[in-house]
Protein backbone atom coordinates (compact mmCIF):
# COMPACT_ATOMS: atom_id res chain seq x y z
CA MET A 1 6.06 -28.78 26.48
CA THR A 2 6.46 -25.88 28.93
CA PHE A 3 7.52 -22.37 28.03
CA ARG A 4 9.02 -20.04 30.61
CA MET A 5 10.00 -16.42 30.41
CA SER A 6 13.65 -15.92 31.20
CA PRO A 7 14.19 -13.17 33.78
CA LYS A 8 17.20 -12.06 31.72
CA VAL A 9 15.14 -11.24 28.61
CA PRO A 10 13.36 -7.86 28.83
CA TYR A 11 9.64 -7.99 28.07
CA GLY A 12 6.88 -5.40 27.68
CA LYS A 13 7.76 -1.95 29.06
CA ALA A 14 11.22 -3.11 30.12
CA ALA A 15 11.96 -4.23 26.55
CA MET A 16 10.70 -0.96 25.11
CA LYS A 17 12.84 1.00 27.55
CA GLU A 18 15.89 -1.01 26.58
CA ILE A 19 15.16 -0.53 22.88
CA ARG A 20 14.69 3.21 23.28
CA THR A 21 17.90 3.65 25.18
CA SER A 22 20.07 1.40 23.02
CA ALA A 23 22.95 2.86 21.05
CA GLY A 24 21.45 1.68 17.75
CA GLU A 25 18.26 3.74 18.04
CA ARG A 26 16.94 5.22 14.79
CA SER A 27 13.98 7.43 13.95
CA HIS A 28 11.72 8.05 10.98
CA THR A 29 9.62 11.19 10.58
CA ILE A 30 6.59 11.38 8.31
CA THR A 31 4.91 14.56 7.09
CA TRP A 32 1.53 14.50 5.37
CA ASN A 33 -1.31 16.73 4.22
CA ASP A 34 -4.82 16.76 5.58
CA PRO A 35 -6.38 13.58 4.09
CA GLN A 36 -9.69 15.40 3.59
CA VAL A 37 -8.10 17.58 0.89
CA SER A 38 -7.37 14.46 -1.14
CA ALA A 39 -10.78 12.94 -0.28
CA GLN A 40 -12.55 16.06 -1.56
CA ALA A 41 -10.50 16.08 -4.77
CA ILE A 42 -11.64 12.52 -5.54
CA LYS A 43 -15.24 13.76 -5.64
CA THR A 44 -14.51 16.28 -8.41
CA MET A 45 -12.59 14.10 -10.89
CA SER A 46 -12.78 10.75 -12.58
CA GLY A 47 -10.57 8.11 -11.02
CA LEU A 48 -8.13 8.31 -13.92
CA ASP A 49 -7.86 12.11 -13.70
CA TYR A 50 -7.47 11.98 -9.91
CA LEU A 51 -4.64 9.43 -10.02
CA ARG A 52 -2.88 11.42 -12.73
CA ALA A 53 -3.20 14.51 -10.52
CA LEU A 54 -1.55 12.57 -7.67
CA ARG A 55 1.21 11.33 -9.95
CA ASP A 56 1.86 14.81 -11.34
CA GLY A 57 1.81 16.53 -7.93
CA ARG A 58 -1.38 18.49 -8.62
CA SER A 59 -3.15 16.85 -5.66
CA PRO A 60 -1.59 15.98 -2.28
CA LEU A 61 -0.64 12.37 -1.72
CA PRO A 62 -2.76 10.41 0.77
CA PRO A 63 -1.00 9.87 4.14
CA MET A 64 -0.57 6.14 3.45
CA TYR A 65 1.50 6.92 0.37
CA ARG A 66 3.79 9.11 2.50
CA LEU A 67 4.06 6.46 5.19
CA PHE A 68 5.21 3.81 2.71
CA ASP A 69 6.91 6.29 0.32
CA PHE A 70 4.80 5.13 -2.64
CA ARG A 71 5.54 6.91 -5.92
CA LEU A 72 3.04 6.67 -8.77
CA LEU A 73 4.95 5.99 -11.99
CA ASP A 74 2.39 4.93 -14.61
CA VAL A 75 -1.32 5.65 -14.59
CA GLU A 76 -3.54 4.56 -17.46
CA GLU A 77 -7.06 3.20 -17.63
CA GLY A 78 -7.05 -0.21 -15.95
CA ARG A 79 -3.35 -0.14 -14.98
CA VAL A 80 -1.23 1.54 -12.31
CA VAL A 81 2.45 1.13 -11.42
CA ILE A 82 3.77 2.22 -8.03
CA GLU A 83 7.46 2.43 -7.14
CA LEU A 84 8.48 1.81 -3.55
CA THR A 85 11.63 1.10 -1.59
CA PRO A 86 11.73 -1.17 1.46
CA ALA A 87 13.27 0.48 4.51
CA GLU A 88 14.71 -0.71 7.79
CA TYR A 89 11.78 0.65 9.83
CA GLN A 90 9.50 -1.82 7.99
CA CYS A 91 11.38 -4.89 9.26
CA ASN A 92 9.66 -7.65 11.19
CA PRO A 93 11.24 -9.35 14.25
CA VAL A 94 13.47 -11.60 12.10
CA GLY A 95 14.94 -8.70 10.11
CA MET A 96 12.96 -9.19 6.89
CA ILE A 97 10.53 -6.60 5.53
CA HIS A 98 7.11 -7.26 7.05
CA GLY A 99 4.57 -8.96 4.75
CA GLY A 100 2.20 -6.05 5.35
CA PHE A 101 4.53 -3.90 3.23
CA ALA A 102 3.96 -6.11 0.16
CA CYS A 103 0.25 -6.56 0.93
CA THR A 104 -0.28 -2.80 1.27
CA ALA A 105 1.60 -2.08 -1.96
CA LEU A 106 -0.39 -4.70 -3.87
CA ASP A 107 -3.72 -3.54 -2.44
CA SER A 108 -2.88 0.07 -3.33
CA ALA A 109 -1.78 -0.68 -6.91
CA MET A 110 -4.76 -2.94 -7.62
CA ALA A 111 -7.34 -0.60 -6.05
CA CYS A 112 -5.82 2.33 -7.94
CA ALA A 113 -6.04 0.35 -11.19
CA VAL A 114 -9.75 -0.21 -10.49
CA HIS A 115 -10.14 3.46 -9.55
CA THR A 116 -8.90 4.48 -13.02
CA THR A 117 -12.07 2.94 -14.47
CA LEU A 118 -14.47 4.91 -12.25
CA PRO A 119 -16.39 8.08 -13.13
CA VAL A 120 -16.64 11.22 -11.00
CA GLN A 121 -18.00 10.57 -7.48
CA ALA A 122 -17.79 6.78 -7.65
CA GLU A 123 -16.03 5.21 -4.65
CA LEU A 124 -14.46 1.85 -3.97
CA THR A 125 -13.21 -0.26 -1.11
CA THR A 126 -11.41 -3.57 -0.95
CA LEU A 127 -13.75 -6.48 -0.21
CA GLU A 128 -11.19 -9.27 -0.39
CA ILE A 129 -7.48 -9.67 -1.08
CA LYS A 130 -5.36 -12.77 -1.60
CA VAL A 131 -1.59 -12.40 -1.54
CA ASN A 132 0.98 -15.03 -2.48
CA PHE A 133 4.46 -14.29 -1.13
CA VAL A 134 7.09 -15.82 -3.39
CA ARG A 135 10.26 -14.72 -1.59
CA GLY A 136 11.25 -12.55 1.34
CA ILE A 137 11.97 -8.86 0.91
CA LYS A 138 15.04 -7.32 2.52
CA VAL A 139 16.17 -3.73 2.87
CA GLU A 140 18.91 -4.60 0.37
CA THR A 141 16.26 -5.52 -2.23
CA GLY A 142 16.16 -1.83 -3.16
CA ASN A 143 13.62 -0.16 -5.44
CA MET A 144 10.58 -2.24 -6.26
CA ARG A 145 7.67 -1.88 -8.65
CA CYS A 146 4.11 -2.89 -7.92
CA GLU A 147 1.78 -3.15 -10.89
CA GLY A 148 -1.97 -3.45 -10.64
CA ARG A 149 -4.16 -4.43 -13.62
CA VAL A 150 -7.94 -4.62 -13.84
CA ILE A 151 -9.32 -8.05 -14.71
CA HIS A 152 -13.03 -7.16 -14.56
CA ALA A 153 -14.73 -3.80 -14.02
CA GLY A 154 -18.42 -4.34 -13.32
CA SER A 155 -21.08 -1.96 -12.08
CA HIS A 156 -20.92 -3.19 -8.45
CA THR A 157 -17.67 -5.14 -8.16
CA ALA A 158 -14.30 -5.14 -9.86
CA THR A 159 -11.34 -7.50 -9.73
CA ALA A 160 -7.67 -6.84 -10.37
CA ASP A 161 -4.37 -8.61 -10.09
CA GLY A 162 -1.01 -7.34 -8.98
CA ARG A 163 2.69 -8.18 -9.12
CA LEU A 164 5.48 -6.91 -6.87
CA THR A 165 8.91 -7.14 -8.48
CA ASP A 166 12.41 -5.79 -7.90
CA SER A 167 14.29 -3.59 -10.37
CA LYS A 168 15.45 -6.69 -12.29
CA GLY A 169 11.90 -8.00 -12.70
CA VAL A 170 12.24 -10.76 -10.07
CA LEU A 171 8.81 -11.58 -8.60
CA TYR A 172 8.40 -11.22 -4.80
CA ALA A 173 4.60 -11.41 -4.45
CA HIS A 174 1.46 -11.56 -6.55
CA SER A 175 -2.14 -10.95 -5.64
CA VAL A 176 -5.79 -10.66 -6.64
CA VAL A 177 -8.35 -8.28 -5.18
CA THR A 178 -12.11 -7.81 -5.29
CA CYS A 179 -13.37 -4.25 -4.85
CA LEU A 180 -16.87 -3.04 -4.04
CA ILE A 181 -17.92 -0.16 -6.30
CA LEU A 182 -20.37 2.42 -4.99
CA ARG A 183 -21.81 4.92 -7.38
CA PRO A 184 -23.46 8.20 -6.28
CA SER A 185 -26.94 6.65 -6.46
CA SER A 186 -25.99 3.80 -4.07
CA GLY A 187 -24.89 6.05 -1.20
CA PRO A 188 -21.49 6.75 0.36
CA LEU A 189 -19.08 4.12 1.70
CA VAL A 190 -19.12 5.63 5.18
């Protein structure tokens, strides 16, 4: 089988130029706070207190939350619920919302659920994530909820699961995550 590029189809810079000059051009502007402000706040509060401060607007949202328009709804020990709304600028080449949108939401909700179990100055990072996509997400899907729940909170690792549903409770994706926990005595993550 041979594949050939058609000279009629713009590619690379020519395609970008055509996209930028098309009549259907749209834009999306994102404003965020210095991420170090949030990073410093984490070091002064337990994970649960920090996430409640984010939810209540007492600490600035991390830039990633602004980028994806994540809104913390429920924060309790071992459980976090994030609300999010798919948008046109998150579409993949076939017009569906990119799978990275669901993966990022699930990773965020599950890691935050784990974070609610951590004391002051403990840090975490995702070691592994497994996502199962059940159905495609469209812009028309509207508001969605992503819930993360801790399965196991150990001294060095933690696991959590997550579910991404629409406003009617229809499942779009589910996931499990393993997080590495670093306590002050084990040194920083970076």
